[in-house]
Amino acid sequence: MLTLDDVALRRDASFELVVRHFAVAPGEAVAIVGQSGSGKSTCLDIMAGILKPDRAQRFTFHHAEDAPISLADLWQRHDRGGLRNWRARHLGYVLQTGGLVPFLSLADNVGLPLRLLGRREPGRVQELLQALGLDGLGRRKPRHVSIGQRQRAALARALAARPALLLADEPTASLDRDSAETVMGLLTSAARRENAALVMVTHDRDLAVRHGLRIATCASGGALGLSVLDDRETN
């Protein structure tokens, strides 16, 4: 599905992130953990094709019967259109704050990716609202529901276009303990049901372990400002 080997990004003289190796398969769930400032969210933005790495020995995406896509080559060719098309077709992203459009209803937020892609899937929005415990709330605006319900709606939106790769940046950080357990359970079960590869960043390692995610640690290395992710060294 998604493979990175020797992918690096330097922000300035004081910080460099190196992904020595990372791979995730369809239906697999991985949590990237690490100290604050270790580059976890930066790593996720690289995987999402948002941040351009300074170097990449291998940075590829391979889904089902499609030909492999080299994201490293797309960046090298400055093919931002190709990157946008890849994200639109294959990627779902759950932001820490949800990122819902405030003037749209929950249902319209969930259906937004399908509208942008020009795809008609009658019943898809209601299917997701029901699966994520939001049945009956589709007409409400984000400000009229709880934080946990907004985060569920953000998850539903990320899943709407049936992405092969689901990324989530601290999706439970703003939630209380019970809501975090609920959202994590919904996130992992939804990814399994859709056979999507799930990669999430979290500060709560224990929560990820309880929900069966493989752990990959973004750890500070020996050099000042160097942070390294290598999922061959998971623990």
C-alpha atoms as a PDB file:
ATOM      1  CA  MET A   1       0.000   0.000   0.000  1.00  0.00           C
ATOM      2  CA  LEU A   2       2.230   2.846   1.272  1.00  0.00           C
ATOM      3  CA  THR A   3       5.996   2.423   1.615  1.00  0.00           C
ATOM      4  CA  LEU A   4       8.661   4.930   2.623  1.00  0.00           C
ATOM      5  CA  ASP A   5      12.406   4.240   2.691  1.00  0.00           C
ATOM      6  CA  ASP A   6      15.001   6.870   3.603  1.00  0.00           C
ATOM      7  CA  VAL A   7      12.581   9.779   3.316  1.00  0.00           C
ATOM      8  CA  ALA A   8      13.831  12.962   4.975  1.00  0.00           C
ATOM      9  CA  LEU A   9      12.708  16.523   5.587  1.00  0.00           C
ATOM     10  CA  ARG A  10      14.796  19.269   7.172  1.00  0.00           C
ATOM     11  CA  ARG A  11      12.877  22.246   8.543  1.00  0.00           C
ATOM     12  CA  ASP A  12      15.942  24.313   9.374  1.00  0.00           C
ATOM     13  CA  ALA A  13      19.339  23.809  10.964  1.00  0.00           C
ATOM     14  CA  SER A  14      17.718  22.676  14.207  1.00  0.00           C
ATOM     15  CA  PHE A  15      15.408  19.856  13.061  1.00  0.00           C
ATOM     16  CA  GLU A  16      15.451  16.977  10.596  1.00  0.00           C
ATOM     17  CA  LEU A  17      12.958  14.123  10.319  1.00  0.00           C
ATOM     18  CA  VAL A  18      14.164  10.872   8.764  1.00  0.00           C
ATOM     19  CA  VAL A  19      11.811   8.009   7.945  1.00  0.00           C
ATOM     20  CA  ARG A  20      14.236   5.131   7.543  1.00  0.00           C
ATOM     21  CA  HIS A  21      11.447   2.664   6.811  1.00  0.00           C
ATOM     22  CA  PHE A  22       7.676   2.662   7.099  1.00  0.00           C
ATOM     23  CA  ALA A  23       5.087   0.462   5.423  1.00  0.00           C
ATOM     24  CA  VAL A  24       1.375  -0.116   5.923  1.00  0.00           C
ATOM     25  CA  ALA A  25      -0.891  -2.616   4.155  1.00  0.00           C
ATOM     26  CA  PRO A  26      -4.630  -2.537   3.349  1.00  0.00           C
ATOM     27  CA  GLY A  27      -6.701  -3.157   6.472  1.00  0.00           C
ATOM     28  CA  GLU A  28      -3.716  -2.561   8.772  1.00  0.00           C
ATOM     29  CA  ALA A  29      -3.740   0.080  11.525  1.00  0.00           C
ATOM     30  CA  VAL A  30      -0.584   1.812  12.767  1.00  0.00           C
ATOM     31  CA  ALA A  31      -0.157   4.473  15.455  1.00  0.00           C
ATOM     32  CA  ILE A  32       2.830   6.819  15.296  1.00  0.00           C
ATOM     33  CA  VAL A  33       3.773   7.860  18.818  1.00  0.00           C
ATOM     34  CA  GLY A  34       6.518  10.051  20.227  1.00  0.00           C
ATOM     35  CA  GLN A  35       7.296  13.070  22.334  1.00  0.00           C
ATOM     36  CA  SER A  36       5.869  16.473  21.512  1.00  0.00           C
ATOM     37  CA  GLY A  37       7.964  18.096  18.793  1.00  0.00           C
ATOM     38  CA  SER A  38       9.373  14.799  17.516  1.00  0.00           C
ATOM     39  CA  GLY A  39       7.847  15.291  14.066  1.00  0.00           C
ATOM     40  CA  LYS A  40       4.834  12.972  14.228  1.00  0.00           C
ATOM     41  CA  SER A  41       2.446  15.339  12.479  1.00  0.00           C
ATOM     42  CA  THR A  42       5.162  16.347  10.014  1.00  0.00           C
ATOM     43  CA  CYS A  43       5.548  12.683   9.136  1.00  0.00           C
ATOM     44  CA  LEU A  44       1.813  12.386   8.542  1.00  0.00           C
ATOM     45  CA  ASP A  45       1.824  15.443   6.264  1.00  0.00           C
ATOM     46  CA  ILE A  46       4.626  13.878   4.223  1.00  0.00           C
ATOM     47  CA  MET A  47       2.590  10.681   3.878  1.00  0.00           C
ATOM     48  CA  ALA A  48      -0.385  12.790   2.777  1.00  0.00           C
ATOM     49  CA  GLY A  49       1.593  14.400  -0.030  1.00  0.00           C
ATOM     50  CA  ILE A  50       1.251  17.817   1.613  1.00  0.00           C
ATOM     51  CA  LEU A  51       4.881  18.403   2.611  1.00  0.00           C
ATOM     52  CA  LYS A  52       7.642  17.817   0.074  1.00  0.00           C
ATOM     53  CA  PRO A  53      10.499  15.663   1.394  1.00  0.00           C
ATOM     54  CA  ASP A  54      14.054  16.803   0.735  1.00  0.00           C
ATOM     55  CA  ARG A  55      15.007  13.295  -0.296  1.00  0.00           C
ATOM     56  CA  ALA A  56      13.244   9.975  -0.795  1.00  0.00           C
ATOM     57  CA  GLN A  57      14.877   6.722  -1.804  1.00  0.00           C
ATOM     58  CA  ARG A  58      11.411   5.158  -2.021  1.00  0.00           C
ATOM     59  CA  PHE A  59       8.017   6.756  -1.471  1.00  0.00           C
ATOM     60  CA  THR A  60       5.344   4.711  -3.226  1.00  0.00           C
ATOM     61  CA  PHE A  61       1.641   3.946  -3.080  1.00  0.00           C
ATOM     62  CA  HIS A  62       0.188   0.768  -4.571  1.00  0.00           C
ATOM     63  CA  HIS A  63      -3.522   0.007  -4.457  1.00  0.00           C
ATOM     64  CA  ALA A  64      -5.298  -3.119  -5.729  1.00  0.00           C
ATOM     65  CA  GLU A  65      -5.035  -3.508  -9.500  1.00  0.00           C
ATOM     66  CA  ASP A  66      -3.692   0.006 -10.117  1.00  0.00           C
ATOM     67  CA  ALA A  67      -0.108   0.567 -11.167  1.00  0.00           C
ATOM     68  CA  PRO A  68       2.191   1.715  -8.350  1.00  0.00           C
ATOM     69  CA  ILE A  69       2.436   5.476  -7.925  1.00  0.00           C
ATOM     70  CA  SER A  70       5.780   7.012  -7.002  1.00  0.00           C
ATOM     71  CA  LEU A  71       4.999  10.050  -4.886  1.00  0.00           C
ATOM     72  CA  ALA A  72       8.721  10.798  -4.862  1.00  0.00           C
ATOM     73  CA  ASP A  73       8.642  11.118  -8.665  1.00  0.00           C
ATOM     74  CA  LEU A  74       5.557  13.351  -8.555  1.00  0.00           C
ATOM     75  CA  TRP A  75       7.364  15.691  -6.167  1.00  0.00           C
ATOM     76  CA  GLN A  76      10.556  15.588  -8.247  1.00  0.00           C
ATOM     77  CA  ARG A  77       8.570  16.588 -11.364  1.00  0.00           C
ATOM     78  CA  HIS A  78       6.714  19.293  -9.392  1.00  0.00           C
ATOM     79  CA  ASP A  79       3.519  17.554 -10.481  1.00  0.00           C
ATOM     80  CA  ARG A  80       1.143  19.125  -7.966  1.00  0.00           C
ATOM     81  CA  GLY A  81      -1.830  18.192 -10.136  1.00  0.00           C
ATOM     82  CA  GLY A  82      -0.813  14.550  -9.917  1.00  0.00           C
ATOM     83  CA  LEU A  83      -0.478  14.836  -6.151  1.00  0.00           C
ATOM     84  CA  ARG A  84      -3.918  16.468  -5.883  1.00  0.00           C
ATOM     85  CA  ASN A  85      -5.466  13.714  -7.996  1.00  0.00           C
ATOM     86  CA  TRP A  86      -3.822  11.050  -5.837  1.00  0.00           C
ATOM     87  CA  ARG A  87      -5.108  12.648  -2.644  1.00  0.00           C
ATOM     88  CA  ALA A  88      -8.618  13.040  -4.053  1.00  0.00           C
ATOM     89  CA  ARG A  89      -8.829   9.427  -5.225  1.00  0.00           C
ATOM     90  CA  HIS A  90      -7.070   7.551  -2.461  1.00  0.00           C
ATOM     91  CA  LEU A  91      -6.674   9.620   0.720  1.00  0.00           C
ATOM     92  CA  GLY A  92      -8.907  10.415   3.677  1.00  0.00           C
ATOM     93  CA  TYR A  93      -7.587  12.776   6.362  1.00  0.00           C
ATOM     94  CA  VAL A  94      -8.996  13.340   9.865  1.00  0.00           C
ATOM     95  CA  LEU A  95      -7.726  16.536  11.479  1.00  0.00           C
ATOM     96  CA  GLN A  96      -7.234  16.969  15.221  1.00  0.00           C
ATOM     97  CA  THR A  97      -9.909  19.672  15.327  1.00  0.00           C
ATOM     98  CA  GLY A  98     -12.247  17.916  12.893  1.00  0.00           C
ATOM     99  CA  GLY A  99     -12.090  20.726  10.352  1.00  0.00           C
ATOM    100  CA  LEU A 100     -15.798  20.640   9.501  1.00  0.00           C
ATOM    101  CA  VAL A 101     -17.237  23.479   7.402  1.00  0.00           C
ATOM    102  CA  PRO A 102     -19.222  25.427  10.028  1.00  0.00           C
ATOM    103  CA  PHE A 103     -22.069  26.610   7.783  1.00  0.00           C
ATOM    104  CA  LEU A 104     -22.786  23.136   6.365  1.00  0.00           C
ATOM    105  CA  SER A 105     -24.863  20.484   8.107  1.00  0.00           C
ATOM    106  CA  LEU A 106     -23.170  17.305   9.283  1.00  0.00           C
ATOM    107  CA  ALA A 107     -24.686  15.433   6.339  1.00  0.00           C
ATOM    108  CA  ASP A 108     -23.430  18.012   3.836  1.00  0.00           C
ATOM    109  CA  ASN A 109     -19.981  17.938   5.436  1.00  0.00           C
ATOM    110  CA  VAL A 110     -19.860  14.161   5.119  1.00  0.00           C
ATOM    111  CA  GLY A 111     -20.991  14.270   1.493  1.00  0.00           C
ATOM    112  CA  LEU A 112     -18.583  17.038   0.486  1.00  0.00           C
ATOM    113  CA  PRO A 113     -15.787  14.767  -0.859  1.00  0.00           C
ATOM    114  CA  LEU A 114     -18.281  12.969  -3.105  1.00  0.00           C
ATOM    115  CA  ARG A 115     -19.595  16.279  -4.454  1.00  0.00           C
ATOM    116  CA  LEU A 116     -16.091  17.542  -5.162  1.00  0.00           C
ATOM    117  CA  LEU A 117     -15.309  14.330  -7.051  1.00  0.00           C
ATOM    118  CA  GLY A 118     -18.596  14.494  -8.974  1.00  0.00           C
ATOM    119  CA  ARG A 119     -19.641  11.091  -7.664  1.00  0.00           C
ATOM    120  CA  ARG A 120     -23.220  10.119  -6.913  1.00  0.00           C
ATOM    121  CA  GLU A 121     -23.594   7.409  -4.269  1.00  0.00           C
ATOM    122  CA  PRO A 122     -27.168   7.523  -2.963  1.00  0.00           C
ATOM    123  CA  GLY A 123     -27.325   6.375   0.635  1.00  0.00           C
ATOM    124  CA  ARG A 124     -23.584   6.626   1.310  1.00  0.00           C
ATOM    125  CA  VAL A 125     -23.872   9.634   3.635  1.00  0.00           C
ATOM    126  CA  GLN A 126     -26.705   8.111   5.644  1.00  0.00           C
ATOM    127  CA  GLU A 127     -24.832   4.803   5.822  1.00  0.00           C
ATOM    128  CA  LEU A 128     -21.831   6.520   7.395  1.00  0.00           C
ATOM    129  CA  LEU A 129     -23.880   8.675   9.761  1.00  0.00           C
ATOM    130  CA  GLN A 130     -25.658   5.577  11.011  1.00  0.00           C
ATOM    131  CA  ALA A 131     -22.459   3.523  11.313  1.00  0.00           C
ATOM    132  CA  LEU A 132     -20.790   6.265  13.366  1.00  0.00           C
ATOM    133  CA  GLY A 133     -23.659   6.866  15.761  1.00  0.00           C
ATOM    134  CA  LEU A 134     -24.875  10.105  14.154  1.00  0.00           C
ATOM    135  CA  ASP A 135     -28.226   8.883  12.885  1.00  0.00           C
ATOM    136  CA  GLY A 136     -30.781  11.667  13.281  1.00  0.00           C
ATOM    137  CA  LEU A 137     -28.137  14.408  13.545  1.00  0.00           C
ATOM    138  CA  GLY A 138     -27.452  14.927   9.845  1.00  0.00           C
ATOM    139  CA  ARG A 139     -29.314  18.249   9.612  1.00  0.00           C
ATOM    140  CA  ARG A 140     -27.495  19.842  12.529  1.00  0.00           C
ATOM    141  CA  LYS A 141     -24.638  22.290  12.086  1.00  0.00           C
ATOM    142  CA  PRO A 142     -21.311  21.439  13.768  1.00  0.00           C
ATOM    143  CA  ARG A 143     -21.835  24.053  16.507  1.00  0.00           C
ATOM    144  CA  HIS A 144     -25.022  22.283  17.603  1.00  0.00           C
ATOM    145  CA  VAL A 145     -23.392  18.932  18.417  1.00  0.00           C
ATOM    146  CA  SER A 146     -20.740  17.808  20.900  1.00  0.00           C
ATOM    147  CA  ILE A 147     -16.998  17.749  20.226  1.00  0.00           C
ATOM    148  CA  GLY A 148     -17.092  13.950  20.075  1.00  0.00           C
ATOM    149  CA  GLN A 149     -19.938  14.030  17.547  1.00  0.00           C
ATOM    150  CA  ARG A 150     -18.046  16.550  15.423  1.00  0.00           C
ATOM    151  CA  GLN A 151     -15.045  14.240  15.412  1.00  0.00           C
ATOM    152  CA  ARG A 152     -17.236  11.320  14.328  1.00  0.00           C
ATOM    153  CA  ALA A 153     -18.598  13.463  11.498  1.00  0.00           C
ATOM    154  CA  ALA A 154     -15.031  14.317  10.465  1.00  0.00           C
ATOM    155  CA  LEU A 155     -14.258  10.598  10.355  1.00  0.00           C
ATOM    156  CA  ALA A 156     -17.371   9.954   8.264  1.00  0.00           C
ATOM    157  CA  ARG A 157     -16.304  12.685   5.834  1.00  0.00           C
ATOM    158  CA  ALA A 158     -12.815  11.170   5.536  1.00  0.00           C
ATOM    159  CA  LEU A 159     -14.379   7.791   4.686  1.00  0.00           C
ATOM    160  CA  ALA A 160     -17.059   9.071   2.298  1.00  0.00           C
ATOM    161  CA  ALA A 161     -15.115   8.577  -0.941  1.00  0.00           C
ATOM    162  CA  ARG A 162     -13.898   5.106   0.152  1.00  0.00           C
ATOM    163  CA  PRO A 163     -10.199   6.016   0.455  1.00  0.00           C
ATOM    164  CA  ALA A 164      -7.587   3.295   0.435  1.00  0.00           C
ATOM    165  CA  LEU A 165      -5.437   5.240   2.914  1.00  0.00           C
ATOM    166  CA  LEU A 166      -6.850   6.908   6.028  1.00  0.00           C
ATOM    167  CA  LEU A 167      -4.654   9.326   7.992  1.00  0.00           C
ATOM    168  CA  ALA A 168      -5.645  10.796  11.363  1.00  0.00           C
ATOM    169  CA  ASP A 169      -3.741  13.488  13.272  1.00  0.00           C
ATOM    170  CA  GLU A 170      -4.385  13.253  17.033  1.00  0.00           C
ATOM    171  CA  PRO A 171      -8.090  12.470  16.472  1.00  0.00           C
ATOM    172  CA  THR A 172      -8.801  11.975  20.196  1.00  0.00           C
ATOM    173  CA  ALA A 173      -6.620  14.743  21.663  1.00  0.00           C
ATOM    174  CA  SER A 174      -9.495  17.127  22.413  1.00  0.00           C
ATOM    175  CA  LEU A 175     -11.840  14.455  23.786  1.00  0.00           C
ATOM    176  CA  ASP A 176     -12.532  13.203  27.290  1.00  0.00           C
ATOM    177  CA  ARG A 177     -11.531   9.637  28.113  1.00  0.00           C
ATOM    178  CA  ASP A 178     -14.873   7.996  27.337  1.00  0.00           C
ATOM    179  CA  SER A 179     -15.304   9.904  24.074  1.00  0.00           C
ATOM    180  CA  ALA A 180     -11.718   9.072  23.087  1.00  0.00           C
ATOM    181  CA  GLU A 181     -12.389   5.356  23.586  1.00  0.00           C
ATOM    182  CA  THR A 182     -15.568   5.616  21.514  1.00  0.00           C
ATOM    183  CA  VAL A 183     -13.985   7.553  18.650  1.00  0.00           C
ATOM    184  CA  MET A 184     -10.933   5.267  18.581  1.00  0.00           C
ATOM    185  CA  GLY A 185     -13.162   2.206  18.421  1.00  0.00           C
ATOM    186  CA  LEU A 186     -15.214   3.727  15.602  1.00  0.00           C
ATOM    187  CA  LEU A 187     -12.076   4.803  13.734  1.00  0.00           C
ATOM    188  CA  THR A 188     -10.440   1.383  13.803  1.00  0.00           C
ATOM    189  CA  SER A 189     -13.613  -0.580  13.082  1.00  0.00           C
ATOM    190  CA  ALA A 190     -14.552   1.729  10.194  1.00  0.00           C
ATOM    191  CA  ALA A 191     -11.088   1.380   8.659  1.00  0.00           C
ATOM    192  CA  ARG A 192     -11.294  -2.413   8.917  1.00  0.00           C
ATOM    193  CA  ARG A 193     -14.783  -2.456   7.433  1.00  0.00           C
ATOM    194  CA  GLU A 194     -13.627  -0.355   4.468  1.00  0.00           C
ATOM    195  CA  ASN A 195     -10.329  -2.324   4.222  1.00  0.00           C
ATOM    196  CA  ALA A 196      -8.471   0.985   4.409  1.00  0.00           C
ATOM    197  CA  ALA A 197      -4.920   1.287   5.678  1.00  0.00           C
ATOM    198  CA  LEU A 198      -4.998   3.473   8.795  1.00  0.00           C
ATOM    199  CA  VAL A 199      -2.083   5.581  10.026  1.00  0.00           C
ATOM    200  CA  MET A 200      -2.702   7.833  12.985  1.00  0.00           C
ATOM    201  CA  VAL A 201      -0.629  10.103  15.191  1.00  0.00           C
ATOM    202  CA  THR A 202      -1.436   9.969  18.887  1.00  0.00           C
ATOM    203  CA  HIS A 203      -0.010  11.059  22.220  1.00  0.00           C
ATOM    204  CA  ASP A 204      -1.922   8.221  23.906  1.00  0.00           C
ATOM    205  CA  ARG A 205       0.078   5.056  23.320  1.00  0.00           C
ATOM    206  CA  ASP A 206      -1.999   3.015  25.777  1.00  0.00           C
ATOM    207  CA  LEU A 207      -5.213   3.903  23.943  1.00  0.00           C
ATOM    208  CA  ALA A 208      -3.713   2.786  20.638  1.00  0.00           C
ATOM    209  CA  VAL A 209      -2.485  -0.490  22.138  1.00  0.00           C
ATOM    210  CA  ARG A 210      -5.904  -1.221  23.663  1.00  0.00           C
ATOM    211  CA  HIS A 211      -7.457  -0.889  20.233  1.00  0.00           C
ATOM    212  CA  GLY A 212      -4.949  -3.169  18.543  1.00  0.00           C
ATOM    213  CA  LEU A 213      -2.879  -0.677  16.560  1.00  0.00           C
ATOM    214  CA  ARG A 214       0.705  -1.505  15.679  1.00  0.00           C
ATOM    215  CA  ILE A 215       3.039   1.029  17.291  1.00  0.00           C
ATOM    216  CA  ALA A 216       5.733   2.936  15.390  1.00  0.00           C
ATOM    217  CA  THR A 217       7.828   5.343  17.453  1.00  0.00           C
ATOM    218  CA  CYS A 218       9.106   8.673  16.197  1.00  0.00           C
ATOM    219  CA  ALA A 219      12.182   8.987  18.401  1.00  0.00           C
ATOM    220  CA  SER A 220      14.898  11.564  18.882  1.00  0.00           C
ATOM    221  CA  GLY A 221      18.233  10.259  17.670  1.00  0.00           C
ATOM    222  CA  GLY A 222      21.776  10.927  18.727  1.00  0.00           C
ATOM    223  CA  ALA A 223      22.180  14.075  16.633  1.00  0.00           C
ATOM    224  CA  LEU A 224      20.764  17.353  17.918  1.00  0.00           C
ATOM    225  CA  GLY A 225      17.359  17.988  16.383  1.00  0.00           C
ATOM    226  CA  LEU A 226      17.229  14.637  14.574  1.00  0.00           C
ATOM    227  CA  SER A 227      14.033  12.614  14.807  1.00  0.00           C
ATOM    228  CA  VAL A 228      13.842   9.119  13.318  1.00  0.00           C
ATOM    229  CA  LEU A 229      10.926   6.862  12.414  1.00  0.00           C
ATOM    230  CA  ASP A 230      11.723   3.237  11.607  1.00  0.00           C
ATOM    231  CA  ASP A 231       8.863   0.782  12.026  1.00  0.00           C
ATOM    232  CA  ARG A 232      11.254  -2.161  11.879  1.00  0.00           C
ATOM    233  CA  GLU A 233      12.127  -1.070  15.419  1.00  0.00           C
ATOM    234  CA  THR A 234       8.573  -0.978  16.785  1.00  0.00           C
ATOM    235  CA  ASN A 235       7.922  -2.023  20.355  1.00  0.00           C
END
